[in-house]
PDB file of N, CA and C in Angstrom:
ATOM      1  N   MET A   1     201.819  34.828 139.291  1.00  0.00           N
ATOM      2  CA  MET A   1     201.858  35.659 140.653  1.00  0.00           C
ATOM      3  C   MET A   1     200.785  36.121 141.188  1.00  0.00           C
ATOM      4  N   VAL A   2     200.458  36.348 142.674  1.00  0.00           N
ATOM      5  CA  VAL A   2     199.208  37.527 143.260  1.00  0.00           C
ATOM      6  C   VAL A   2     200.314  38.023 143.975  1.00  0.00           C
ATOM      7  N   ALA A   3     199.068  38.951 144.223  1.00  0.00           N
ATOM      8  CA  ALA A   3     199.303  40.424 144.964  1.00  0.00           C
ATOM      9  C   ALA A   3     198.105  40.668 145.915  1.00  0.00           C
ATOM     10  N   THR A   4     198.401  40.809 147.532  1.00  0.00           N
ATOM     11  CA  THR A   4     196.950  40.682 148.319  1.00  0.00           C
ATOM     12  C   THR A   4     197.170  42.296 147.798  1.00  0.00           C
ATOM     13  N   TYR A   5     196.187  42.542 148.372  1.00  0.00           N
ATOM     14  CA  TYR A   5     195.094  43.986 148.838  1.00  0.00           C
ATOM     15  C   TYR A   5     196.478  44.944 149.570  1.00  0.00           C
ATOM     16  N   GLY A   6     196.622  44.813 150.651  1.00  0.00           N
ATOM     17  CA  GLY A   6     197.795  45.360 151.923  1.00  0.00           C
ATOM     18  C   GLY A   6     199.259  45.560 150.645  1.00  0.00           C
ATOM     19  N   GLN A   7     199.493  44.530 150.024  1.00  0.00           N
ATOM     20  CA  GLN A   7     200.957  44.927 149.559  1.00  0.00           C
ATOM     21  C   GLN A   7     200.798  45.658 148.108  1.00  0.00           C
ATOM     22  N   ILE A   8     199.733  45.589 147.357  1.00  0.00           N
ATOM     23  CA  ILE A   8     199.428  47.088 146.368  1.00  0.00           C
ATOM     24  C   ILE A   8     199.206  48.280 147.270  1.00  0.00           C
ATOM     25  N   ALA A   9     198.479  48.687 148.420  1.00  0.00           N
ATOM     26  CA  ALA A   9     198.365  50.004 149.309  1.00  0.00           C
ATOM     27  C   ALA A   9     199.327  50.117 149.815  1.00  0.00           C
ATOM     28  N   ARG A  10     200.350  49.237 150.318  1.00  0.00           N
ATOM     29  CA  ARG A  10     201.521  49.539 150.804  1.00  0.00           C
ATOM     30  C   ARG A  10     203.058  50.608 149.302  1.00  0.00           C
ATOM     31  N   VAL A  11     202.879  49.445 148.553  1.00  0.00           N
ATOM     32  CA  VAL A  11     203.274  50.102 147.186  1.00  0.00           C
ATOM     33  C   VAL A  11     202.108  51.975 147.002  1.00  0.00           C
ATOM     34  N   ALA A  12     201.450  51.309 146.700  1.00  0.00           N
ATOM     35  CA  ALA A  12     200.498  52.568 146.318  1.00  0.00           C
ATOM     36  C   ALA A  12     201.442  54.224 147.447  1.00  0.00           C
ATOM     37  N   GLY A  13     201.965  54.344 148.829  1.00  0.00           N
ATOM     38  CA  GLY A  13     201.684  54.563 149.584  1.00  0.00           C
ATOM     39  C   GLY A  13     201.154  54.498 150.986  1.00  0.00           C
ATOM     40  N   LEU A  14     200.114  53.839 150.925  1.00  0.00           N
ATOM     41  CA  LEU A  14     198.905  53.446 151.663  1.00  0.00           C
ATOM     42  C   LEU A  14     199.033  52.575 152.802  1.00  0.00           C
ATOM     43  N   PRO A  15     200.220  52.449 153.463  1.00  0.00           N
ATOM     44  CA  PRO A  15     199.717  51.158 154.290  1.00  0.00           C
ATOM     45  C   PRO A  15     199.193  51.046 154.606  1.00  0.00           C
ATOM     46  N   GLY A  16     198.218  50.394 154.831  1.00  0.00           N
ATOM     47  CA  GLY A  16     196.584  49.958 156.195  1.00  0.00           C
ATOM     48  C   GLY A  16     195.638  50.237 155.320  1.00  0.00           C
ATOM     49  N   GLN A  17     196.177  50.591 154.312  1.00  0.00           N
ATOM     50  CA  GLN A  17     194.713  50.784 153.360  1.00  0.00           C
ATOM     51  C   GLN A  17     194.174  49.889 152.444  1.00  0.00           C
ATOM     52  N   PRO A  18     194.060  48.346 152.953  1.00  0.00           N
ATOM     53  CA  PRO A  18     194.162  47.786 151.329  1.00  0.00           C
ATOM     54  C   PRO A  18     192.026  47.467 151.543  1.00  0.00           C
ATOM     55  N   ARG A  19     191.236  48.732 151.447  1.00  0.00           N
ATOM     56  CA  ARG A  19     190.610  48.401 151.207  1.00  0.00           C
ATOM     57  C   ARG A  19     190.323  49.363 150.346  1.00  0.00           C
ATOM     58  N   LEU A  20     191.244  50.690 150.513  1.00  0.00           N
ATOM     59  CA  LEU A  20     190.781  51.289 149.542  1.00  0.00           C
ATOM     60  C   LEU A  20     191.159  51.091 148.346  1.00  0.00           C
ATOM     61  N   VAL A  21     192.704  49.981 148.179  1.00  0.00           N
ATOM     62  CA  VAL A  21     192.913  49.297 146.819  1.00  0.00           C
ATOM     63  C   VAL A  21     191.472  48.268 146.139  1.00  0.00           C
ATOM     64  N   GLY A  22     190.539  47.425 147.689  1.00  0.00           N
ATOM     65  CA  GLY A  22     189.300  47.303 146.676  1.00  0.00           C
ATOM     66  C   GLY A  22     188.423  48.437 146.002  1.00  0.00           C
ATOM     67  N   TYR A  23     188.582  49.219 146.734  1.00  0.00           N
ATOM     68  CA  TYR A  23     187.516  50.585 146.023  1.00  0.00           C
ATOM     69  C   TYR A  23     188.013  51.135 144.576  1.00  0.00           C
ATOM     70  N   ALA A  24     189.717  51.142 144.444  1.00  0.00           N
ATOM     71  CA  ALA A  24     190.247  51.198 143.251  1.00  0.00           C
ATOM     72  C   ALA A  24     189.302  50.744 141.842  1.00  0.00           C
ATOM     73  N   LEU A  25     190.204  49.738 142.291  1.00  0.00           N
ATOM     74  CA  LEU A  25     189.613  48.343 141.484  1.00  0.00           C
ATOM     75  C   LEU A  25     187.927  47.929 141.162  1.00  0.00           C
ATOM     76  N   HIS A  26     187.390  48.327 141.942  1.00  0.00           N
ATOM     77  CA  HIS A  26     185.899  47.670 141.596  1.00  0.00           C
ATOM     78  C   HIS A  26     184.972  49.198 140.919  1.00  0.00           C
ATOM     79  N   ALA A  27     185.954  50.238 141.435  1.00  0.00           N
ATOM     80  CA  ALA A  27     185.980  51.582 140.279  1.00  0.00           C
ATOM     81  C   ALA A  27     186.054  51.729 139.184  1.00  0.00           C
ATOM     82  N   THR A  28     187.397  50.777 138.770  1.00  0.00           N
ATOM     83  CA  THR A  28     188.218  51.169 137.544  1.00  0.00           C
ATOM     84  C   THR A  28     187.320  50.773 135.682  1.00  0.00           C
ATOM     85  N   PRO A  29     187.217  51.136 135.258  1.00  0.00           N
ATOM     86  CA  PRO A  29     186.196  51.242 134.129  1.00  0.00           C
ATOM     87  C   PRO A  29     186.318  49.565 133.747  1.00  0.00           C
ATOM     88  N   GLU A  30     185.932  48.578 132.773  1.00  0.00           N
ATOM     89  CA  GLU A  30     185.786  47.681 132.218  1.00  0.00           C
ATOM     90  C   GLU A  30     186.546  47.072 131.648  1.00  0.00           C
ATOM     91  N   ASP A  31     186.868  48.683 130.288  1.00  0.00           N
ATOM     92  CA  ASP A  31     187.336  48.526 129.128  1.00  0.00           C
ATOM     93  C   ASP A  31     188.763  49.410 129.371  1.00  0.00           C
ATOM     94  N   LEU A  32     189.444  49.152 130.695  1.00  0.00           N
ATOM     95  CA  LEU A  32     190.614  49.506 130.853  1.00  0.00           C
ATOM     96  C   LEU A  32     191.700  47.913 131.330  1.00  0.00           C
ATOM     97  N   THR A  33     192.454  47.632 130.456  1.00  0.00           N
ATOM     98  CA  THR A  33     192.678  46.151 130.782  1.00  0.00           C
ATOM     99  C   THR A  33     194.674  46.113 131.921  1.00  0.00           C
ATOM    100  N   LEU A  34     193.380  45.395 133.259  1.00  0.00           N
ATOM    101  CA  LEU A  34     194.172  46.283 133.997  1.00  0.00           C
ATOM    102  C   LEU A  34     194.555  44.163 135.034  1.00  0.00           C
ATOM    103  N   PRO A  35     194.975  43.655 135.118  1.00  0.00           N
ATOM    104  CA  PRO A  35     195.191  42.732 135.800  1.00  0.00           C
ATOM    105  C   PRO A  35     194.410  41.979 137.273  1.00  0.00           C
ATOM    106  N   TRP A  36     193.508  43.076 137.587  1.00  0.00           N
ATOM    107  CA  TRP A  36     192.832  43.034 138.447  1.00  0.00           C
ATOM    108  C   TRP A  36     192.445  41.224 139.299  1.00  0.00           C
ATOM    109  N   HIS A  37     192.523  40.537 138.374  1.00  0.00           N
ATOM    110  CA  HIS A  37     191.985  39.131 139.259  1.00  0.00           C
ATOM    111  C   HIS A  37     193.564  38.498 139.277  1.00  0.00           C
ATOM    112  N   ARG A  38     194.861  39.314 139.773  1.00  0.00           N
ATOM    113  CA  ARG A  38     195.834  38.910 140.166  1.00  0.00           C
ATOM    114  C   ARG A  38     195.593  39.006 141.381  1.00  0.00           C
ATOM    115  N   VAL A  39     194.681  39.999 142.478  1.00  0.00           N
ATOM    116  CA  VAL A  39     194.342  40.581 143.602  1.00  0.00           C
ATOM    117  C   VAL A  39     193.963  39.522 144.718  1.00  0.00           C
ATOM    118  N   ILE A  40     194.463  39.488 145.497  1.00  0.00           N
ATOM    119  CA  ILE A  40     193.664  38.750 146.337  1.00  0.00           C
ATOM    120  C   ILE A  40     193.921  38.985 148.074  1.00  0.00           C
ATOM    121  N   ASN A  41     193.397  37.945 148.521  1.00  0.00           N
ATOM    122  CA  ASN A  41     192.764  39.018 150.236  1.00  0.00           C
ATOM    123  C   ASN A  41     194.332  38.607 150.953  1.00  0.00           C
ATOM    124  N   ALA A  42     194.787  39.165 152.184  1.00  0.00           N
ATOM    125  CA  ALA A  42     195.986  38.261 152.622  1.00  0.00           C
ATOM    126  C   ALA A  42     195.549  36.665 153.356  1.00  0.00           C
ATOM    127  N   ALA A  43     194.366  36.806 152.977  1.00  0.00           N
ATOM    128  CA  ALA A  43     194.300  35.256 153.706  1.00  0.00           C
ATOM    129  C   ALA A  43     194.552  34.060 152.657  1.00  0.00           C
ATOM    130  N   GLY A  44     194.632  34.756 151.528  1.00  0.00           N
ATOM    131  CA  GLY A  44     194.649  34.079 150.080  1.00  0.00           C
ATOM    132  C   GLY A  44     193.686  33.132 149.745  1.00  0.00           C
ATOM    133  N   ARG A  45     192.610  34.381 150.253  1.00  0.00           N
ATOM    134  CA  ARG A  45     191.405  33.650 149.205  1.00  0.00           C
ATOM    135  C   ARG A  45     190.788  35.057 148.618  1.00  0.00           C
ATOM    136  N   ILE A  46     190.109  33.950 147.248  1.00  0.00           N
ATOM    137  CA  ILE A  46     189.279  35.983 146.272  1.00  0.00           C
ATOM    138  C   ILE A  46     188.566  36.465 147.152  1.00  0.00           C
ATOM    139  N   SER A  47     188.322  37.939 147.124  1.00  0.00           N
ATOM    140  CA  SER A  47     187.476  38.371 147.889  1.00  0.00           C
ATOM    141  C   SER A  47     185.844  38.295 147.555  1.00  0.00           C
ATOM    142  N   LEU A  48     185.822  38.388 146.643  1.00  0.00           N
ATOM    143  CA  LEU A  48     184.396  38.599 146.226  1.00  0.00           C
ATOM    144  C   LEU A  48     183.100  37.558 146.083  1.00  0.00           C
ATOM    145  N   PRO A  49     182.636  37.276 146.308  1.00  0.00           N
ATOM    146  CA  PRO A  49     181.429  36.591 146.961  1.00  0.00           C
ATOM    147  C   PRO A  49     181.258  34.966 146.331  1.00  0.00           C
ATOM    148  N   LEU A  50     181.742  33.745 146.528  1.00  0.00           N
ATOM    149  CA  LEU A  50     181.615  32.767 145.755  1.00  0.00           C
ATOM    150  C   LEU A  50     179.944  32.526 145.253  1.00  0.00           C
ATOM    151  N   GLU A  51     179.153  33.223 145.115  1.00  0.00           N
ATOM    152  CA  GLU A  51     177.883  33.184 144.624  1.00  0.00           C
ATOM    153  C   GLU A  51     178.067  33.476 143.299  1.00  0.00           C
ATOM    154  N   SER A  52     178.792  34.987 143.175  1.00  0.00           N
ATOM    155  CA  SER A  52     178.767  35.731 141.741  1.00  0.00           C
ATOM    156  C   SER A  52     179.609  35.692 140.816  1.00  0.00           C
ATOM    157  N   GLY A  53     179.499  35.706 139.391  1.00  0.00           N
ATOM    158  CA  GLY A  53     179.649  35.068 138.343  1.00  0.00           C
ATOM    159  C   GLY A  53     181.110  35.366 138.136  1.00  0.00           C
ATOM    160  N   GLN A  54     181.893  36.777 138.955  1.00  0.00           N
ATOM    161  CA  GLN A  54     182.979  37.099 139.014  1.00  0.00           C
ATOM    162  C   GLN A  54     184.302  36.410 140.215  1.00  0.00           C
ATOM    163  N   TYR A  55     183.596  36.159 140.752  1.00  0.00           N
ATOM    164  CA  TYR A  55     184.148  34.762 141.748  1.00  0.00           C
ATOM    165  C   TYR A  55     184.787  33.796 140.900  1.00  0.00           C
ATOM    166  N   ASP A  56     184.223  33.292 140.456  1.00  0.00           N
ATOM    167  CA  ASP A  56     184.743  32.477 139.186  1.00  0.00           C
ATOM    168  C   ASP A  56     184.799  32.527 137.631  1.00  0.00           C
ATOM    169  N   LEU A  57     184.623  33.785 137.442  1.00  0.00           N
ATOM    170  CA  LEU A  57     186.127  34.664 136.674  1.00  0.00           C
ATOM    171  C   LEU A  57     187.265  34.569 137.064  1.00  0.00           C
ATOM    172  N   GLN A  58     187.317  35.313 138.243  1.00  0.00           N
ATOM    173  CA  GLN A  58     188.452  35.170 138.697  1.00  0.00           C
ATOM    174  C   GLN A  58     189.742  34.076 138.504  1.00  0.00           C
ATOM    175  N   LYS A  59     188.814  33.389 139.662  1.00  0.00           N
ATOM    176  CA  LYS A  59     189.031  31.962 140.236  1.00  0.00           C
ATOM    177  C   LYS A  59     189.289  31.428 138.607  1.00  0.00           C
ATOM    178  N   SER A  60     188.919  30.716 137.433  1.00  0.00           N
ATOM    179  CA  SER A  60     189.482  30.327 135.830  1.00  0.00           C
ATOM    180  C   SER A  60     190.703  31.275 135.322  1.00  0.00           C
ATOM    181  N   LEU A  61     190.698  32.733 135.706  1.00  0.00           N
ATOM    182  CA  LEU A  61     191.319  33.434 135.213  1.00  0.00           C
ATOM    183  C   LEU A  61     193.173  33.165 135.910  1.00  0.00           C
ATOM    184  N   LEU A  62     193.272  33.350 137.276  1.00  0.00           N
ATOM    185  CA  LEU A  62     193.890  32.538 137.450  1.00  0.00           C
ATOM    186  C   LEU A  62     194.467  31.598 137.825  1.00  0.00           C
ATOM    187  N   GLU A  63     193.723  30.246 137.645  1.00  0.00           N
ATOM    188  CA  GLU A  63     193.814  29.358 137.210  1.00  0.00           C
ATOM    189  C   GLU A  63     194.562  28.708 135.614  1.00  0.00           C
ATOM    190  N   ALA A  64     193.967  29.557 135.277  1.00  0.00           N
ATOM    191  CA  ALA A  64     194.807  29.226 133.484  1.00  0.00           C
ATOM    192  C   ALA A  64     195.711  29.930 133.508  1.00  0.00           C
ATOM    193  N   GLU A  65     196.423  30.994 134.584  1.00  0.00           N
ATOM    194  CA  GLU A  65     197.896  31.562 134.390  1.00  0.00           C
ATOM    195  C   GLU A  65     198.531  30.583 135.117  1.00  0.00           C
ATOM    196  N   GLY A  66     197.923  28.955 135.948  1.00  0.00           N
ATOM    197  CA  GLY A  66     198.861  27.726 136.690  1.00  0.00           C
ATOM    198  C   GLY A  66     198.812  27.957 137.904  1.00  0.00           C
ATOM    199  N   ILE A  67     197.858  28.867 138.685  1.00  0.00           N
ATOM    200  CA  ILE A  67     198.027  29.292 139.979  1.00  0.00           C
ATOM    201  C   ILE A  67     196.803  28.445 140.453  1.00  0.00           C
ATOM    202  N   ARG A  68     197.206  27.581 141.791  1.00  0.00           N
ATOM    203  CA  ARG A  68     196.366  26.268 141.855  1.00  0.00           C
ATOM    204  C   ARG A  68     196.121  26.160 142.937  1.00  0.00           C
ATOM    205  N   PHE A  69     194.622  26.015 143.066  1.00  0.00           N
ATOM    206  CA  PHE A  69     193.996  26.444 144.785  1.00  0.00           C
ATOM    207  C   PHE A  69     193.672  25.620 145.434  1.00  0.00           C
ATOM    208  N   ARG A  70     193.547  25.058 146.535  1.00  0.00           N
ATOM    209  CA  ARG A  70     193.405  23.681 147.714  1.00  0.00           C
ATOM    210  C   ARG A  70     192.414  24.704 148.500  1.00  0.00           C
ATOM    211  N   GLY A  71     191.334  23.953 147.835  1.00  0.00           N
ATOM    212  CA  GLY A  71     189.593  24.131 148.545  1.00  0.00           C
ATOM    213  C   GLY A  71     189.798  25.610 147.672  1.00  0.00           C
ATOM    214  N   GLU A  72     189.336  26.623 148.611  1.00  0.00           N
ATOM    215  CA  GLU A  72     189.546  27.607 148.013  1.00  0.00           C
ATOM    216  C   GLU A  72     190.730  29.356 147.963  1.00  0.00           C
ATOM    217  N   LYS A  73     191.561  28.742 148.468  1.00  0.00           N
ATOM    218  CA  LYS A  73     193.065  29.447 149.049  1.00  0.00           C
ATOM    219  C   LYS A  73     193.544  28.946 147.835  1.00  0.00           C
ATOM    220  N   VAL A  74     194.871  30.628 147.861  1.00  0.00           N
ATOM    221  CA  VAL A  74     195.986  29.991 147.516  1.00  0.00           C
ATOM    222  C   VAL A  74     197.636  30.408 148.138  1.00  0.00           C
ATOM    223  N   SER A  75     197.796  29.284 148.115  1.00  0.00           N
ATOM    224  CA  SER A  75     198.742  28.940 148.749  1.00  0.00           C
ATOM    225  C   SER A  75     200.243  30.678 148.844  1.00  0.00           C
ATOM    226  N   LEU A  76     199.756  31.794 149.567  1.00  0.00           N
ATOM    227  CA  LEU A  76     200.514  33.207 149.483  1.00  0.00           C
ATOM    228  C   LEU A  76     202.506  32.497 149.484  1.00  0.00           C
ATOM    229  N   ALA A  77     202.352  31.854 149.889  1.00  0.00           N
ATOM    230  CA  ALA A  77     204.325  31.163 150.486  1.00  0.00           C
ATOM    231  C   ALA A  77     204.637  30.890 148.733  1.00  0.00           C
ATOM    232  N   ARG A  78     204.078  30.485 147.900  1.00  0.00           N
ATOM    233  CA  ARG A  78     204.479  29.469 146.614  1.00  0.00           C
ATOM    234  C   ARG A  78     204.041  30.805 145.369  1.00  0.00           C
ATOM    235  N   TYR A  79     202.884  31.324 145.551  1.00  0.00           N
ATOM    236  CA  TYR A  79     202.600  32.169 144.613  1.00  0.00           C
ATOM    237  C   TYR A  79     202.383  33.764 144.367  1.00  0.00           C
ATOM    238  N   GLN A  80     202.449  34.556 145.757  1.00  0.00           N
ATOM    239  CA  GLN A  80     202.913  35.973 146.522  1.00  0.00           C
ATOM    240  C   GLN A  80     203.851  36.460 145.115  1.00  0.00           C
ATOM    241  N   TRP A  81     203.814  37.876 144.918  1.00  0.00           N
ATOM    242  CA  TRP A  81     204.581  38.394 143.757  1.00  0.00           C
ATOM    243  C   TRP A  81     205.660  38.469 145.004  1.00  0.00           C
ATOM    244  N   PRO A  82     207.098  37.848 145.022  1.00  0.00           N
ATOM    245  CA  PRO A  82     208.251  38.556 145.995  1.00  0.00           C
ATOM    246  C   PRO A  82     208.520  39.638 146.123  1.00  0.00           C
ATOM    247  N   LEU A  83     208.118  40.739 145.131  1.00  0.00           N
ATOM    248  CA  LEU A  83     208.954  41.626 145.096  1.00  0.00           C
ATOM    249  C   LEU A  83     208.363  42.816 145.494  1.00  0.00           C
ATOM    250  N   LEU A  84     206.332  42.257 146.267  1.00  0.00           N
ATOM    251  CA  LEU A  84     205.738  43.433 146.597  1.00  0.00           C
ATOM    252  C   LEU A  84     206.010  41.926 148.035  1.00  0.00           C
ATOM    253  N   ALA A  85     205.852  41.308 147.986  1.00  0.00           N
ATOM    254  CA  ALA A  85     206.324  41.084 149.871  1.00  0.00           C
ATOM    255  C   ALA A  85     206.796  42.037 150.515  1.00  0.00           C
ATOM    256  N   ARG A  86     208.082  42.227 150.253  1.00  0.00           N
ATOM    257  CA  ARG A  86     208.814  43.129 150.501  1.00  0.00           C
ATOM    258  C   ARG A  86     208.877  44.631 150.445  1.00  0.00           C
ATOM    259  N   ALA A  87     207.397  45.007 150.192  1.00  0.00           N
ATOM    260  CA  ALA A  87     207.665  46.172 149.711  1.00  0.00           C
ATOM    261  C   ALA A  87     206.865  46.601 151.122  1.00  0.00           C
TER     262      ALA A  87
END
């Protein structure tokens, strides 16, 4: 399952602040085991630049977990974490 930056922000008590989630994920130490790859944008896309190695890493991690892409997009209707969708 995936969650959007906005969903995580709402659960964290920061509604309307999805960028703060992005900043926090970016600042997380690499040795911290956090499922960062499961956070995507509200359009169902990976927010990292296509040409970055991190984009490819995130996409491959999601695909390894069974998330299917149509082009560069994930179906939020199918893969979005339902508990967070209502948050």
